[in-house]
Each structure stands twice: as C-alpha cells, then as structure tokens.
Amino acid sequence: MTISPSFGKKTSNRPDIHFDSDIVHPAHKEMIVQWTELHGLCLERLDPIAVSKLSSERLIPEIERVVNEIANEKRVQLNAREQKLLANELVNDINGLGPIQPLLDDDKITDIMVNGPYKNFIEKYGKLADSGIKFRDRRHLIAVSQRIASGVGRRVDESSPTVDARLEDGSRVNIVFPPLALDGPYLSIRKFSRRKIDFKQLVENGSCSVKVAKLLEIASRIRLNVIISGGTGSGKTTLMNAMSRLIDPGERIITVEDAAELQFQQPHVVRLETRPPSIEGNGEITQRDLVRNALRMRPDRIIIGEVRGAEAFDMLQAMNTGHDGSMSTIHANTTRDALTRIENMVQMGNFGLSAGAIRTQIVGAVDLIVQIERQRDGVRRIVQITDVSGIEGDVVTLNDVISFSMDGEGYDGKIQGHYNVSKSRPSFYESLVGYQLDKAWNNTLNE
C-alpha cells in the first residue's frame, strides 16, 4: 500500500515557528526550522485515506521511508535515529495526540499539565516535573485540543472556551481556551490507570497499613455506606476502585459520574455519565438527574463518582432507602469538613430543610468517612477512618477508628508515622455481628 501520492503541494500554509530565547538556543534555530519544514512536508505528502487504514506499527516504517525521501530531496542530513524520531512524531500527530502521546503511554505518569505550547509539566511518583515536551506552536496545541473535544462530540473554541472530555482510555481532560487562557490553550489530563488497584497494592505503595486495609475490606463486605474524602489528586477514585473489588458479583451496581473513570470488575455494572448543555444551552443532564433516575433502575448499590452539588440530597436519600453499600467521593480536608460540605450542598438545593433535619439525614445515611491525603513525600495516604456515630443536639458525633500521626521523615524523604486506633464499639457493630465479622474487626484493631 502506498501512502505517498505525487509530491508538489505548496508549503505556504506551514505554521509559523515560535522562538523563545529561554527555550530554544539560537544555535539550534536553523535545525528546528529544517525539522519543522520536514514535518510539514511529510504530512502533506501522506495520503490521509491510506494512512487511516494502517496501524501505528505498520505506519512507522512507511513514514520513515517518506522522511528519508524528502530529506534526500531537500538535502537535509538525518541519521537513522533522527529519521525514526521524526517518524514517531508524525505517527503521534496522525494517530495520537501529538507530543503528549508518549506521556499518555507512560504508566508512571499520573497527571499531564499543558500550560501553553512550550511550558508543560507532569506528575510522576507524586512529584511535579518538567515534561520535556513542547508543541510546535499555539496552532498545533489548538489542533490537538480540538481533536480531543471532537472525539467526545464536543467543541472548544473562543465562543465555548472550556470543556471537560474523556480520552479513549478513560483519562479525564479539562481544556481552557483563549480568551480565558491568557497563555493557552491549557490542557489538564488526569490519566486513567491501566493497572487494577487492590488493597495489596495500596499497602505496597505506602497508602495504608495492612491493618487499615483489613478494616476497609470488612467495611466493604458488610455494606457500609462510605464517603471517601480528600483534596484534588489525593487518590479518592483509586481507593474507591480498590474497595469496589470486594462487592459481591451478584449485585446490581449503578455508577453516576461526571467523567467515567471508575473501574469495576463485577459483571452487573450500569454506568451513567452526565451530559453538558449544548451551545444553545439545552439538553444538559446533571448528576442529580442521573441519581434520581438510578433509583428507578433497581440498584443494589449506587456509586456516585463525586458529589458536588444538590445531588448530595439524592445521595442521602438513596443511602437511607435500602441501598446499603453505596459510596461516593467528596472534596474536603478532614472527615468533619466532609460532613459540613454535604450539609452545605444539600442547602444549595433549596429543599427547605433545617440544618438539624439535614444532619439527621446525614447520620442516618453515612456510616463511614475515609480521609485520604496526598502528602509532601508524594504518597497518597489514608489519614483518617471516621465512624459517623450519631447526633447530640445539633452536633454530629464522630469517632476516629483510625488516625495517622506523623513521626518524621526518613533519609529517603518518605514520611514516617503510625496509626492511632480507637477500640470503642462502632455505631455499625450490629452489622458486623450480622455478617459474623465482629471478631475479625476486633482482632484487626488489636493487632
């Protein structure tokens, strides 16, 4: 199959090259001009129809041949390594997402942050670092951003400058365009882990101790309603995925998410995802709409990816009406703050409930709050497991079953600490007895 029709198109449409004295050394400008020109000429010579029929593996040698032909024609000297590098770059532009494609393929990278064409960062092992990649210019970044948005049937431009999207592998993407993005466009990608995380891996990663893992396993088995609380990028979804692996495969699970990223292994999972409004402002489907609809779908458990607004009231209703074992995540700094945020979000819905009535609903619905935190050593660590014990007057009483105390730092920079344990009887003790796991709970606490 030939992928290079006759050559002879004009090159006047080649994007301008941006040079920043802090980014590109003047001695390399001529080389970059030649490289960019070769890149543009190769794209023009390739037949789009033929290219679309080839896999990346078959496309690379074909493109290497085209690169070699054009380099010879233009009398540009490229060694074998440079030809392969340019070929890979072209394949990423054609079949992937340009210069960020290698970052997406690296499983060690968890976040990709594009702050315009030339300043791009990654998170790796919990630490931020320069990604080492750059786009050719702003138009190149715009093209990649619009490809991502169009892939999920959405658009992003000056009239609609923000969009949330999802890549094919499930990675979550936020795009901000000018005029909102002064140096943009900006891309923020939360990568979707290909690994199936369980509690064994969480212990190995330092996210929790064996004791904490056992307690959370028991909590999942006895169908406690759990809220996972933490800051942005703290590992809430990863922890929820780990807990979900212990759900009985015979249960009907309905998930509600803004951007689908939960990885459930059970055979009977119904996944629902919100829909933003159209350009005309019509057709929006909110999380609240989906949660209310999920209640009509005969769920055993309802899993809400993240509670952000008035759907908190519907979540409490679901947890209070026989859907034990439901779970959700929330942004908060402590377990006490998580309850306050739920209360505030219910009040945002203007349901006419008093603060006392809302707190009573919360106590009746939520059994356990798990606080996870990304600490300064880069480890996402469980720092609190709190039992929502009851209510005294207008105050919700909490009992920290487990709390993490920091002892210091090791020579490797890793935080060292220990877990404090409360051995008082939890409010869900009857459930432990009913599932015959009360002895396992007590034995774990006493280890």
Protein backbone atom coordinates (compact mmCIF):
# COMPACT_ATOMS: atom_id res chain seq x y z
CA MET A 1 0.00 0.00 0.00
CA THR A 2 1.39 3.38 -0.97
CA ILE A 3 0.83 6.25 1.39
CA SER A 4 2.59 8.99 -0.55
CA PRO A 5 0.82 10.42 -3.63
CA SER A 6 2.64 12.70 -6.01
CA PHE A 7 4.58 15.46 -4.30
CA GLY A 8 4.16 19.07 -5.31
CA LYS A 9 1.84 20.85 -2.91
CA LYS A 10 2.62 24.34 -1.72
CA THR A 11 4.11 24.76 1.71
CA SER A 12 2.88 28.29 2.37
CA ASN A 13 0.37 27.01 4.93
CA ARG A 14 3.11 25.70 7.20
CA PRO A 15 2.60 27.17 10.72
CA ASP A 16 4.95 29.90 11.83
CA ILE A 17 7.68 28.81 14.22
CA HIS A 18 7.84 30.45 17.62
CA PHE A 19 11.28 31.03 19.13
CA ASP A 20 11.66 31.87 22.79
CA SER A 21 15.19 32.77 23.86
CA ASP A 22 14.63 30.92 27.15
CA ILE A 23 13.51 27.78 25.35
CA VAL A 24 15.45 27.48 22.11
CA HIS A 25 19.16 28.24 21.89
CA PRO A 26 19.92 30.41 18.83
CA ALA A 27 22.41 27.80 17.55
CA HIS A 28 19.59 25.30 17.19
CA LYS A 29 17.09 27.55 15.40
CA GLU A 30 18.22 26.55 11.89
CA MET A 31 17.97 22.87 12.79
CA ILE A 32 14.46 23.37 14.21
CA VAL A 33 13.40 25.23 11.06
CA GLN A 34 14.58 22.29 8.93
CA TRP A 35 12.92 19.78 11.25
CA THR A 36 9.61 21.65 11.22
CA GLU A 37 9.74 22.04 7.44
CA LEU A 38 10.36 18.29 7.02
CA HIS A 39 7.47 17.60 9.41
CA GLY A 40 5.09 19.76 7.36
CA LEU A 41 6.26 18.35 4.00
CA CYS A 42 5.82 14.78 5.24
CA LEU A 43 2.28 15.49 6.43
CA GLU A 44 1.43 16.99 3.03
CA ARG A 45 2.86 14.03 1.12
CA LEU A 46 0.98 11.39 3.13
CA ASP A 47 -2.31 10.15 1.74
CA PRO A 48 -4.88 10.58 4.57
CA ILE A 49 -7.11 7.74 3.32
CA ALA A 50 -4.27 5.25 3.10
CA VAL A 51 -2.79 6.37 6.42
CA SER A 52 -6.09 5.86 8.25
CA LYS A 53 -6.09 2.17 7.27
CA LEU A 54 -2.70 1.41 8.82
CA SER A 55 -1.86 0.64 12.43
CA SER A 56 0.90 2.62 14.13
CA GLU A 57 3.24 -0.38 13.87
CA ARG A 58 2.82 -0.59 10.09
CA LEU A 59 2.74 3.18 9.67
CA ILE A 60 6.15 3.92 11.23
CA PRO A 61 8.33 2.13 8.59
CA GLU A 62 6.25 3.64 5.78
CA ILE A 63 6.67 7.13 7.21
CA GLU A 64 10.40 6.54 7.78
CA ARG A 65 10.68 5.83 4.06
CA VAL A 66 8.82 9.09 3.23
CA VAL A 67 11.03 11.03 5.67
CA ASN A 68 14.15 9.61 4.02
CA GLU A 69 12.88 10.51 0.52
CA ILE A 70 12.06 14.12 1.45
CA ALA A 71 15.28 14.58 3.43
CA ASN A 72 17.25 13.47 0.37
CA GLU A 73 15.26 15.79 -1.89
CA LYS A 74 15.83 18.74 0.42
CA ARG A 75 19.44 17.71 1.10
CA VAL A 76 18.87 17.60 4.84
CA GLN A 77 21.12 15.17 6.67
CA LEU A 78 19.30 12.94 9.12
CA ASN A 79 20.77 9.86 10.74
CA ALA A 80 18.71 6.72 11.36
CA ARG A 81 17.82 7.77 14.92
CA GLU A 82 16.59 11.20 13.80
CA GLN A 83 14.53 9.65 10.99
CA LYS A 84 12.87 7.29 13.45
CA LEU A 85 12.27 10.15 15.90
CA LEU A 86 10.59 12.25 13.23
CA ALA A 87 8.56 9.26 12.05
CA ASN A 88 7.33 8.62 15.59
CA GLU A 89 6.44 12.29 15.96
CA LEU A 90 4.42 12.15 12.74
CA VAL A 91 2.61 8.97 13.84
CA ASN A 92 1.70 10.65 17.15
CA ASP A 93 0.32 13.62 15.20
CA ILE A 94 -1.67 11.37 12.87
CA ASN A 95 -2.93 8.60 15.17
CA GLY A 96 -2.31 10.07 18.61
CA LEU A 97 -2.28 13.38 20.42
CA GLY A 98 0.95 14.88 19.19
CA PRO A 99 3.82 15.40 21.62
CA ILE A 100 1.76 14.38 24.67
CA GLN A 101 1.15 10.87 23.30
CA PRO A 102 4.39 9.44 24.79
CA LEU A 103 3.35 10.89 28.15
CA LEU A 104 -0.01 9.15 27.89
CA ASP A 105 1.77 5.88 27.12
CA ASP A 106 3.98 6.13 30.23
CA ASP A 107 2.18 4.35 33.09
CA LYS A 108 4.36 6.05 35.71
CA ILE A 109 2.89 9.48 34.84
CA THR A 110 -0.39 10.25 36.62
CA ASP A 111 -1.09 13.84 35.52
CA ILE A 112 -0.20 15.91 32.45
CA MET A 113 -0.45 19.71 32.68
CA VAL A 114 -0.06 21.72 29.46
CA ASN A 115 0.36 25.44 30.19
CA GLY A 116 0.52 26.65 26.60
CA PRO A 117 2.68 25.32 23.76
CA TYR A 118 6.06 25.49 25.47
CA LYS A 119 5.59 25.02 29.22
CA ASN A 120 4.36 21.56 30.07
CA PHE A 121 4.57 19.56 33.27
CA ILE A 122 3.84 16.07 34.56
CA GLU A 123 3.26 14.40 37.89
CA LYS A 124 5.35 11.29 38.41
CA TYR A 125 5.66 9.38 41.68
CA GLY A 126 3.62 12.14 43.31
CA LYS A 127 6.06 14.91 42.30
CA LEU A 128 5.75 17.65 39.66
CA ALA A 129 8.43 17.87 36.98
CA ASP A 130 9.03 19.44 33.56
CA SER A 131 7.68 17.11 30.90
CA GLY A 132 10.45 17.87 28.39
CA ILE A 133 7.94 18.15 25.51
CA LYS A 134 6.78 21.16 23.52
CA PHE A 135 4.23 21.82 20.81
CA ARG A 136 5.38 23.39 17.56
CA ASP A 137 3.28 26.48 18.19
CA ARG A 138 -0.09 27.57 19.52
CA ARG A 139 -1.94 26.32 16.45
CA HIS A 140 -0.51 22.85 16.95
CA LEU A 141 -1.84 22.81 20.54
CA ILE A 142 -5.22 24.15 19.39
CA ALA A 143 -5.48 21.33 16.83
CA VAL A 144 -4.72 18.66 19.46
CA SER A 145 -7.20 20.21 21.92
CA GLN A 146 -9.97 20.32 19.33
CA ARG A 147 -9.24 16.72 18.35
CA ILE A 148 -9.76 15.67 21.97
CA ALA A 149 -13.03 17.63 22.26
CA SER A 150 -14.43 16.40 18.93
CA GLY A 151 -13.63 12.82 19.96
CA VAL A 152 -16.42 13.00 22.56
CA GLY A 153 -18.78 15.04 20.41
CA ARG A 154 -17.98 18.41 21.98
CA ARG A 155 -16.43 21.61 20.71
CA VAL A 156 -13.96 24.06 22.17
CA ASP A 157 -13.20 27.49 20.73
CA GLU A 158 -13.43 31.16 21.71
CA SER A 159 -17.23 31.01 21.93
CA SER A 160 -17.13 27.86 24.09
CA PRO A 161 -13.75 28.17 25.82
CA THR A 162 -13.98 25.39 28.43
CA VAL A 163 -14.76 21.72 28.07
CA ASP A 164 -14.46 18.51 30.06
CA ALA A 165 -13.74 15.44 27.97
CA ARG A 166 -12.53 11.87 28.24
CA LEU A 167 -9.91 10.08 26.18
CA GLU A 168 -10.46 6.60 24.77
CA ASP A 169 -8.55 5.03 27.65
CA GLY A 170 -10.77 6.81 30.19
CA SER A 171 -8.32 9.59 31.12
CA ARG A 172 -10.09 12.78 32.20
CA VAL A 173 -9.32 16.01 30.31
CA ASN A 174 -10.09 19.65 31.04
CA ILE A 175 -9.45 22.22 28.28
CA VAL A 176 -9.41 26.01 28.64
CA PHE A 177 -9.15 28.16 25.51
CA PRO A 178 -8.38 31.85 24.98
CA PRO A 179 -9.60 34.43 25.87
CA LEU A 180 -9.92 32.75 29.30
CA ALA A 181 -6.48 31.15 28.95
CA LEU A 182 -4.05 34.05 28.56
CA ASP A 183 -1.08 31.87 27.53
CA GLY A 184 -3.14 28.92 26.37
CA PRO A 185 -4.77 26.82 25.42
CA TYR A 186 -4.38 24.88 28.67
CA LEU A 187 -4.82 21.12 28.97
CA SER A 188 -5.10 19.21 32.25
CA ILE A 189 -5.15 15.43 31.93
CA ARG A 190 -5.81 13.09 34.85
CA LYS A 191 -4.63 9.77 33.49
CA PHE A 192 -6.69 6.62 33.78
CA SER A 193 -4.63 3.90 35.40
CA ARG A 194 -4.40 0.72 33.35
CA ARG A 195 -3.49 -1.24 36.47
CA LYS A 196 -6.29 -2.70 38.55
CA ILE A 197 -5.52 -1.39 42.04
CA ASP A 198 -6.37 -3.51 45.07
CA PHE A 199 -5.60 -3.17 48.77
CA LYS A 200 -2.42 -5.22 48.45
CA GLN A 201 -1.01 -2.62 46.05
CA LEU A 202 -2.19 0.24 48.27
CA VAL A 203 -0.21 -1.27 51.15
CA GLU A 204 2.85 -1.74 48.91
CA ASN A 205 2.57 1.91 47.77
CA GLY A 206 2.52 3.11 51.38
CA SER A 207 -1.05 4.41 51.11
CA CYS A 208 -2.14 2.45 54.17
CA SER A 209 -1.07 -0.27 56.58
CA VAL A 210 -2.22 -3.88 56.50
CA LYS A 211 -4.49 -3.12 59.46
CA VAL A 212 -6.20 -0.23 57.66
CA ALA A 213 -6.63 -2.34 54.52
CA LYS A 214 -8.32 -5.12 56.53
CA LEU A 215 -10.70 -2.67 58.20
CA LEU A 216 -11.75 -1.20 54.86
CA GLU A 217 -12.20 -4.67 53.40
CA ILE A 218 -14.56 -5.53 56.25
CA ALA A 219 -16.42 -2.20 55.79
CA SER A 220 -16.99 -3.04 52.14
CA ARG A 221 -18.13 -6.60 52.89
CA ILE A 222 -20.74 -5.54 55.45
CA ARG A 223 -22.22 -3.00 53.02
CA LEU A 224 -21.45 0.20 54.91
CA ASN A 225 -22.28 3.48 53.19
CA VAL A 226 -18.91 5.12 52.69
CA ILE A 227 -17.83 8.65 51.78
CA ILE A 228 -14.23 8.98 50.57
CA SER A 229 -12.95 12.47 51.28
CA GLY A 230 -9.80 14.23 50.10
CA GLY A 231 -8.29 17.01 48.04
CA THR A 232 -7.77 17.13 44.28
CA GLY A 233 -5.49 14.33 43.11
CA SER A 234 -5.38 12.70 46.54
CA GLY A 235 -6.37 9.25 45.29
CA LYS A 236 -10.09 9.16 46.09
CA THR A 237 -11.12 7.34 42.91
CA THR A 238 -8.24 4.87 43.23
CA LEU A 239 -9.34 4.00 46.76
CA MET A 240 -12.96 3.62 45.66
CA ASN A 241 -11.87 1.26 42.87
CA ALA A 242 -9.96 -0.83 45.42
CA MET A 243 -12.97 -1.03 47.74
CA SER A 244 -15.27 -1.89 44.86
CA ARG A 245 -13.33 -5.08 44.13
CA LEU A 246 -14.90 -6.62 47.26
CA ILE A 247 -18.50 -6.08 46.13
CA ASP A 248 -20.43 -9.31 45.54
CA PRO A 249 -20.54 -10.09 41.78
CA GLY A 250 -24.24 -10.90 42.09
CA GLU A 251 -25.19 -7.31 42.93
CA ARG A 252 -26.54 -4.71 40.51
CA ILE A 253 -24.32 -1.64 40.69
CA ILE A 254 -25.20 1.71 39.12
CA THR A 255 -22.45 4.32 38.82
CA VAL A 256 -23.07 8.03 38.26
CA GLU A 257 -20.12 10.19 37.16
CA ASP A 258 -19.29 13.50 35.51
CA ALA A 259 -16.46 11.78 33.62
CA ALA A 260 -16.47 7.98 33.76
CA GLU A 261 -13.29 6.70 35.42
CA LEU A 262 -14.39 4.01 37.85
CA GLN A 263 -13.08 0.52 37.06
CA PHE A 264 -15.49 -2.04 38.44
CA GLN A 265 -14.84 -5.72 37.79
CA GLN A 266 -18.33 -7.02 38.56
CA PRO A 267 -20.43 -8.33 35.64
CA HIS A 268 -23.57 -6.33 36.50
CA VAL A 269 -22.50 -2.68 36.34
CA VAL A 270 -24.62 0.06 34.77
CA ARG A 271 -22.57 3.19 34.03
CA LEU A 272 -24.22 6.61 33.73
CA GLU A 273 -22.43 9.80 32.72
CA THR A 274 -23.62 13.41 32.78
CA ARG A 275 -24.08 15.49 29.65
CA PRO A 276 -23.20 19.20 29.41
CA PRO A 277 -25.57 21.67 27.77
CA SER A 278 -25.32 22.32 24.06
CA ILE A 279 -24.09 25.62 22.62
CA GLU A 280 -27.72 26.78 22.74
CA GLY A 281 -27.86 25.89 26.45
CA ASN A 282 -30.19 22.91 26.00
CA GLY A 283 -30.01 19.20 26.77
CA GLU A 284 -27.99 19.24 30.00
CA ILE A 285 -28.24 16.10 32.14
CA THR A 286 -26.91 16.67 35.65
CA GLN A 287 -25.70 14.24 38.29
CA ARG A 288 -28.89 14.92 40.22
CA ASP A 289 -30.97 13.84 37.21
CA LEU A 290 -28.96 10.63 36.94
CA VAL A 291 -29.08 9.82 40.66
CA ARG A 292 -32.85 10.25 40.71
CA ASN A 293 -33.14 8.07 37.61
CA ALA A 294 -30.82 5.44 39.11
CA LEU A 295 -33.27 4.97 42.00
CA ARG A 296 -35.79 3.70 39.44
CA MET A 297 -33.38 1.11 37.99
CA ARG A 298 -33.49 -1.42 40.85
CA PRO A 299 -29.94 -0.86 42.11
CA ASP A 300 -28.33 -2.82 44.93
CA ARG A 301 -25.67 -0.13 45.27
CA ILE A 302 -25.41 3.37 43.85
CA ILE A 303 -21.87 4.67 43.38
CA ILE A 304 -21.52 8.41 42.75
CA GLY A 305 -18.12 9.34 41.38
CA GLU A 306 -18.10 12.72 43.13
CA VAL A 307 -20.75 14.73 44.95
CA ARG A 308 -20.52 18.41 44.01
CA GLY A 309 -23.95 19.95 44.41
CA ALA A 310 -27.63 19.37 45.05
CA GLU A 311 -27.31 15.67 44.15
CA ALA A 312 -25.97 15.25 47.72
CA PHE A 313 -29.60 15.21 48.88
CA ASP A 314 -30.49 12.42 46.46
CA MET A 315 -27.38 10.51 47.55
CA LEU A 316 -28.53 10.67 51.16
CA GLN A 317 -32.00 9.55 50.11
CA ALA A 318 -30.52 6.56 48.26
CA MET A 319 -28.37 5.58 51.25
CA ASN A 320 -31.39 5.93 53.54
CA THR A 321 -33.76 3.81 51.43
CA GLY A 322 -32.20 0.37 51.38
CA HIS A 323 -29.23 0.85 49.05
CA ASP A 324 -26.64 -0.18 51.64
CA GLY A 325 -23.05 -0.30 50.48
CA SER A 326 -23.34 2.85 48.38
CA MET A 327 -20.25 5.01 48.02
CA SER A 328 -19.22 8.46 46.85
CA THR A 329 -16.29 10.87 46.98
CA ILE A 330 -16.16 14.48 48.08
CA HIS A 331 -13.58 17.26 48.20
CA ALA A 332 -12.76 18.09 51.83
CA ASN A 333 -9.72 18.44 54.08
CA THR A 334 -10.97 16.41 57.06
CA THR A 335 -13.78 13.99 57.79
CA ARG A 336 -15.57 16.68 59.83
CA ASP A 337 -15.26 19.09 56.86
CA ALA A 338 -16.76 16.40 54.61
CA LEU A 339 -19.96 16.37 56.68
CA THR A 340 -20.11 20.17 56.63
CA ARG A 341 -19.72 20.18 52.84
CA ILE A 342 -22.52 17.62 52.41
CA GLU A 343 -24.77 19.77 54.60
CA ASN A 344 -23.92 22.89 52.58
CA MET A 345 -24.57 21.14 49.27
CA VAL A 346 -27.98 19.93 50.43
CA GLN A 347 -28.81 23.51 51.45
CA MET A 348 -27.74 24.67 47.98
CA GLY A 349 -30.60 22.62 46.58
CA ASN A 350 -33.21 24.76 48.41
CA PHE A 351 -35.15 21.79 49.76
CA GLY A 352 -36.50 23.78 52.70
CA LEU A 353 -34.85 21.51 55.29
CA SER A 354 -33.46 22.88 58.53
CA ALA A 355 -29.81 22.30 59.44
CA GLY A 356 -30.89 19.86 62.14
CA ALA A 357 -33.00 17.83 59.69
CA ILE A 358 -30.12 17.65 57.21
CA ARG A 359 -27.71 16.44 59.90
CA THR A 360 -30.21 13.78 60.96
CA GLN A 361 -30.37 12.62 57.34
CA ILE A 362 -26.57 12.50 57.13
CA VAL A 363 -26.25 10.46 60.35
CA GLY A 364 -28.89 8.02 59.12
CA ALA A 365 -27.25 7.64 55.72
CA VAL A 366 -23.46 7.75 56.14
CA ASP A 367 -21.69 5.05 58.14
CA LEU A 368 -18.01 5.73 57.46
CA ILE A 369 -15.86 8.57 56.12
CA VAL A 370 -12.38 7.77 54.82
CA GLN A 371 -9.94 10.68 54.51
CA ILE A 372 -7.10 10.32 52.02
CA GLU A 373 -4.38 12.90 51.51
CA ARG A 374 -1.51 13.48 49.11
CA GLN A 375 1.33 14.30 51.47
CA ARG A 376 4.54 16.15 50.79
CA ASP A 377 6.53 12.97 50.08
CA GLY A 378 4.22 12.32 47.10
CA VAL A 379 2.45 9.38 48.75
CA ARG A 380 -1.35 9.35 48.72
CA ARG A 381 -2.03 8.16 52.26
CA ILE A 382 -5.18 7.28 54.20
CA VAL A 383 -5.06 9.51 57.29
CA GLN A 384 -8.49 9.01 58.90
CA ILE A 385 -11.27 6.45 59.06
CA THR A 386 -14.18 8.01 60.92
CA ASP A 387 -17.35 6.39 62.20
CA VAL A 388 -20.40 8.68 61.98
CA SER A 389 -21.65 7.66 65.42
CA GLY A 390 -24.79 9.71 65.97
CA ILE A 391 -26.11 13.16 66.81
CA GLU A 392 -26.28 15.02 70.11
CA GLY A 393 -28.46 18.07 69.87
CA ASP A 394 -27.34 19.71 66.62
CA VAL A 395 -23.82 18.27 66.68
CA VAL A 396 -22.90 15.13 64.72
CA THR A 397 -20.69 12.91 66.87
CA LEU A 398 -17.72 11.29 65.17
CA ASN A 399 -15.31 8.58 66.27
CA ASP A 400 -11.93 8.26 64.56
CA VAL A 401 -11.49 4.50 64.26
CA ILE A 402 -8.07 5.11 62.71
CA SER A 403 -5.99 8.31 62.54
CA PHE A 404 -2.50 8.78 61.16
CA SER A 405 0.18 10.55 63.20
CA MET A 406 3.40 11.74 61.59
CA ASP A 407 6.64 10.85 63.38
CA GLY A 408 9.12 12.44 60.99
CA GLU A 409 10.89 11.83 57.68
CA GLY A 410 13.32 9.11 56.66
CA TYR A 411 16.58 9.67 54.83
CA ASP A 412 14.74 8.98 51.57
CA GLY A 413 12.32 11.84 52.24
CA LYS A 414 9.41 9.50 52.93
CA ILE A 415 7.11 10.42 55.80
CA GLN A 416 7.23 8.02 58.73
CA GLY A 417 4.31 7.66 61.09
CA HIS A 418 1.88 5.35 62.82
CA TYR A 419 -1.86 4.80 63.09
CA ASN A 420 -3.73 5.53 66.30
CA VAL A 421 -6.57 3.09 66.93
CA SER A 422 -9.84 3.62 68.76
CA LYS A 423 -11.18 0.38 70.25
CA SER A 424 -14.59 1.75 71.19
CA ARG A 425 -17.58 -0.08 69.73
CA PRO A 426 -18.55 1.42 66.34
CA SER A 427 -22.11 2.50 65.55
CA PHE A 428 -22.35 -0.24 62.91
CA TYR A 429 -21.47 -3.04 65.34
CA GLU A 430 -24.80 -4.80 64.70
CA SER A 431 -23.91 -5.07 61.02
CA LEU A 432 -20.56 -6.61 61.97
CA VAL A 433 -22.40 -9.18 64.07
CA GLY A 434 -24.96 -9.82 61.34
CA TYR A 435 -22.20 -10.64 58.84
CA GLN A 436 -20.26 -12.57 61.51
CA LEU A 437 -17.29 -10.24 61.10
CA ASP A 438 -17.32 -8.66 64.57
CA LYS A 439 -14.45 -10.89 65.75
CA ALA A 440 -12.45 -10.12 62.60
CA TRP A 441 -12.97 -6.37 63.23
CA ASN A 442 -11.89 -6.60 66.88
CA ASN A 443 -8.92 -8.86 66.09
CA THR A 444 -7.76 -6.38 63.42
CA LEU A 445 -7.97 -3.46 65.83
CA ASN A 446 -5.95 -5.42 68.40
CA GLU A 447 -3.18 -6.45 66.01
